[in-house]
N, C-alpha and C. Protein backbone atom coordinates (compact mmCIF):
# COMPACT_ATOMS: atom_id res chain seq x y z
N UNK A 1 -88.99 -135.73 44.54
CA UNK A 1 -90.55 -134.66 44.41
C UNK A 1 -91.36 -135.69 45.57
N UNK A 2 -92.43 -134.84 45.98
CA UNK A 2 -93.39 -136.13 46.37
C UNK A 2 -94.78 -136.50 45.49
N UNK A 3 -95.33 -137.64 45.12
CA UNK A 3 -95.91 -137.32 44.51
C UNK A 3 -97.91 -137.00 44.80
N UNK A 4 -97.37 -136.78 46.15
CA UNK A 4 -98.90 -136.19 47.13
C UNK A 4 -99.14 -134.54 46.43
N UNK A 5 -97.64 -134.33 45.83
CA UNK A 5 -97.91 -133.05 45.75
C UNK A 5 -98.63 -132.91 43.90
N UNK A 6 -98.25 -132.98 43.64
CA UNK A 6 -98.62 -133.62 41.71
C UNK A 6 -100.17 -133.97 42.61
N UNK A 7 -100.87 -134.33 42.79
CA UNK A 7 -102.17 -135.06 43.01
C UNK A 7 -102.82 -133.77 43.40
N UNK A 8 -102.27 -133.24 44.47
CA UNK A 8 -103.00 -132.02 44.63
C UNK A 8 -102.95 -131.01 43.75
N UNK A 9 -101.80 -130.46 42.84
CA UNK A 9 -101.70 -129.62 41.75
C UNK A 9 -102.98 -129.80 40.62
N UNK A 10 -103.35 -131.34 40.23
CA UNK A 10 -103.74 -132.00 39.77
C UNK A 10 -105.57 -132.06 40.13
N UNK A 11 -105.53 -131.92 41.54
CA UNK A 11 -107.23 -131.77 42.23
C UNK A 11 -107.74 -130.28 41.92
N UNK A 12 -106.65 -129.00 42.30
CA UNK A 12 -107.11 -127.38 42.33
C UNK A 12 -107.21 -127.95 40.58
N UNK A 13 -106.78 -128.11 39.78
CA UNK A 13 -106.60 -128.00 38.21
C UNK A 13 -108.07 -128.39 38.01
N UNK A 14 -108.52 -129.34 38.56
CA UNK A 14 -110.06 -130.10 38.19
C UNK A 14 -110.56 -129.28 38.90
N UNK A 15 -110.65 -128.97 39.28
CA UNK A 15 -111.60 -128.51 40.48
C UNK A 15 -112.28 -126.61 39.58
N UNK A 16 -110.77 -125.94 39.72
CA UNK A 16 -111.04 -124.70 38.94
C UNK A 16 -111.55 -125.14 37.73
N UNK A 17 -111.05 -125.96 36.70
CA UNK A 17 -111.62 -126.03 35.09
C UNK A 17 -113.36 -126.43 35.68
N UNK A 18 -113.62 -127.04 36.61
CA UNK A 18 -115.33 -127.41 36.82
C UNK A 18 -115.96 -125.92 37.02
N UNK A 19 -115.14 -125.60 37.76
CA UNK A 19 -116.30 -124.30 38.26
C UNK A 19 -116.41 -123.38 36.95
N UNK A 20 -114.89 -123.10 36.54
CA UNK A 20 -114.83 -122.24 35.27
C UNK A 20 -115.74 -122.43 34.24
N UNK A 21 -116.03 -124.27 33.45
CA UNK A 21 -117.32 -124.30 33.25
C UNK A 21 -118.85 -124.02 33.58
N UNK A 22 -118.77 -124.10 34.52
CA UNK A 22 -120.49 -123.78 35.33
C UNK A 22 -120.71 -122.30 35.49
N UNK A 23 -119.51 -121.51 35.89
CA UNK A 23 -120.17 -120.21 35.70
C UNK A 23 -119.96 -119.68 34.69
N UNK A 24 -118.71 -119.90 33.10
CA UNK A 24 -119.25 -119.38 31.83
C UNK A 24 -120.53 -119.60 31.45
N UNK A 25 -121.22 -121.20 31.34
CA UNK A 25 -122.48 -121.40 31.52
C UNK A 25 -123.49 -121.00 32.29
N UNK A 26 -123.44 -120.49 33.66
CA UNK A 26 -124.39 -119.27 33.74
C UNK A 26 -124.28 -118.02 33.43
N UNK A 27 -123.16 -117.54 32.30
CA UNK A 27 -123.16 -116.12 31.87
C UNK A 27 -122.24 -115.42 33.47
N UNK A 28 -121.49 -115.97 33.78
CA UNK A 28 -120.71 -114.92 34.44
C UNK A 28 -119.49 -115.67 34.26
N UNK A 29 -119.17 -114.83 32.64
CA UNK A 29 -117.49 -114.73 32.57
C UNK A 29 -116.17 -114.15 33.70
N UNK A 30 -116.86 -113.10 34.39
CA UNK A 30 -116.18 -112.40 35.08
C UNK A 30 -115.41 -113.53 36.54
N UNK A 31 -116.64 -113.54 36.86
CA UNK A 31 -116.18 -114.69 37.94
C UNK A 31 -115.34 -116.04 37.99
N UNK A 32 -115.74 -116.55 36.54
CA UNK A 32 -114.79 -117.51 36.05
C UNK A 32 -113.24 -117.03 35.85
N UNK A 33 -113.32 -115.93 35.23
CA UNK A 33 -112.12 -115.56 35.45
C UNK A 33 -111.17 -115.15 36.47
N UNK A 34 -112.03 -115.04 37.49
CA UNK A 34 -111.35 -115.04 38.85
C UNK A 34 -111.34 -116.05 39.70
N UNK A 35 -112.25 -117.40 39.63
CA UNK A 35 -111.64 -118.52 39.66
C UNK A 35 -110.53 -119.48 39.51
N UNK A 36 -110.17 -118.25 38.01
CA UNK A 36 -108.67 -119.64 36.97
C UNK A 36 -107.57 -118.65 37.78
N UNK A 37 -107.41 -117.63 37.92
CA UNK A 37 -106.29 -116.87 38.85
C UNK A 37 -106.11 -117.37 40.29
N UNK A 38 -107.35 -117.56 40.87
CA UNK A 38 -106.90 -118.17 42.22
C UNK A 38 -106.21 -119.08 41.81
N UNK A 39 -106.91 -120.13 41.53
CA UNK A 39 -106.48 -121.26 41.41
C UNK A 39 -104.95 -121.01 40.60
N UNK A 40 -104.79 -120.63 39.79
CA UNK A 40 -102.70 -120.27 39.32
C UNK A 40 -102.33 -119.86 40.76
N UNK A 41 -102.92 -118.98 41.43
CA UNK A 41 -102.26 -117.94 42.39
C UNK A 41 -101.90 -119.20 43.43
N UNK A 42 -102.74 -120.07 43.81
CA UNK A 42 -102.67 -120.98 44.58
C UNK A 42 -101.34 -122.05 44.37
N UNK A 43 -101.76 -123.02 43.46
CA UNK A 43 -100.55 -123.52 42.81
C UNK A 43 -98.82 -123.16 42.45
N UNK A 44 -99.23 -121.32 41.84
CA UNK A 44 -98.14 -120.91 42.23
C UNK A 44 -96.91 -120.99 43.59
N UNK A 45 -98.16 -120.91 44.73
CA UNK A 45 -97.79 -120.61 45.91
C UNK A 45 -97.06 -122.08 46.31
N UNK A 46 -97.99 -123.11 45.48
CA UNK A 46 -97.05 -124.24 46.37
C UNK A 46 -96.06 -124.35 45.23
N UNK A 47 -95.25 -123.86 44.36
CA UNK A 47 -94.48 -124.39 43.42
C UNK A 47 -93.47 -123.23 44.24
N UNK A 48 -93.48 -122.13 44.46
CA UNK A 48 -93.00 -121.02 45.25
C UNK A 48 -91.59 -122.07 46.33
N UNK A 49 -93.44 -122.12 47.30
CA UNK A 49 -92.49 -122.88 47.74
C UNK A 49 -91.48 -124.19 48.24
N UNK A 50 -92.04 -125.06 46.90
CA UNK A 50 -90.88 -126.35 46.84
C UNK A 50 -89.48 -125.65 45.82
N UNK A 51 -89.65 -124.60 45.31
CA UNK A 51 -88.40 -123.52 44.76
C UNK A 51 -87.42 -123.34 46.18
N UNK A 52 -88.27 -122.77 46.65
CA UNK A 52 -87.82 -122.26 48.38
C UNK A 52 -86.70 -122.84 48.91
N UNK A 53 -87.77 -124.03 49.15
CA UNK A 53 -87.12 -125.49 50.38
C UNK A 53 -85.71 -125.84 49.10
N UNK A 54 -85.74 -126.17 47.72
CA UNK A 54 -84.93 -126.32 46.69
C UNK A 54 -83.13 -125.26 47.04
N UNK A 55 -83.76 -124.26 47.20
CA UNK A 55 -82.46 -123.77 47.35
C UNK A 55 -82.31 -123.61 48.86
N UNK A 56 -82.94 -123.83 49.35
CA UNK A 56 -82.12 -124.20 51.43
C UNK A 56 -81.72 -125.62 51.80
N UNK A 57 -81.71 -125.94 50.61
CA UNK A 57 -80.95 -127.05 51.18
C UNK A 57 -79.64 -127.45 49.33
N UNK A 58 -80.01 -127.05 48.87
CA UNK A 58 -78.72 -126.66 47.83
C UNK A 58 -77.42 -125.43 48.58
N UNK A 59 -77.90 -124.30 49.27
CA UNK A 59 -76.92 -123.99 49.98
C UNK A 59 -76.83 -125.15 51.30
N UNK A 60 -77.54 -124.97 51.55
CA UNK A 60 -77.06 -126.36 53.00
C UNK A 60 -76.07 -127.31 52.61
N UNK A 61 -75.88 -127.34 51.94
CA UNK A 61 -75.15 -128.99 51.01
C UNK A 61 -74.32 -127.66 50.30
N UNK A 62 -74.05 -127.29 50.03
CA UNK A 62 -72.38 -126.16 49.59
C UNK A 62 -71.80 -125.37 50.55
N UNK A 63 -72.69 -125.60 51.68
CA UNK A 63 -72.15 -124.65 52.74
C UNK A 63 -71.72 -122.88 52.91
N UNK A 64 -73.37 -122.91 51.74
CA UNK A 64 -72.98 -121.32 51.45
C UNK A 64 -73.72 -121.09 52.29
N UNK A 65 -73.51 -119.57 52.47
CA UNK A 65 -73.96 -118.43 53.64
C UNK A 65 -74.38 -116.73 53.45
């Protein structure tokens, strides 16, 4: 596993939390919720790609078709 990916996920989390706080303090709770959801979706897509690569590697290693 690459440490770079962990830093990317942490950076997205920090950015989303700062945006969430700024939007909540300015009275825009709906936009704050949307930024949180977008951040979660982006991280989930990153993790899904990793899981896909894992399954492809296992499939190749055990020569499954």
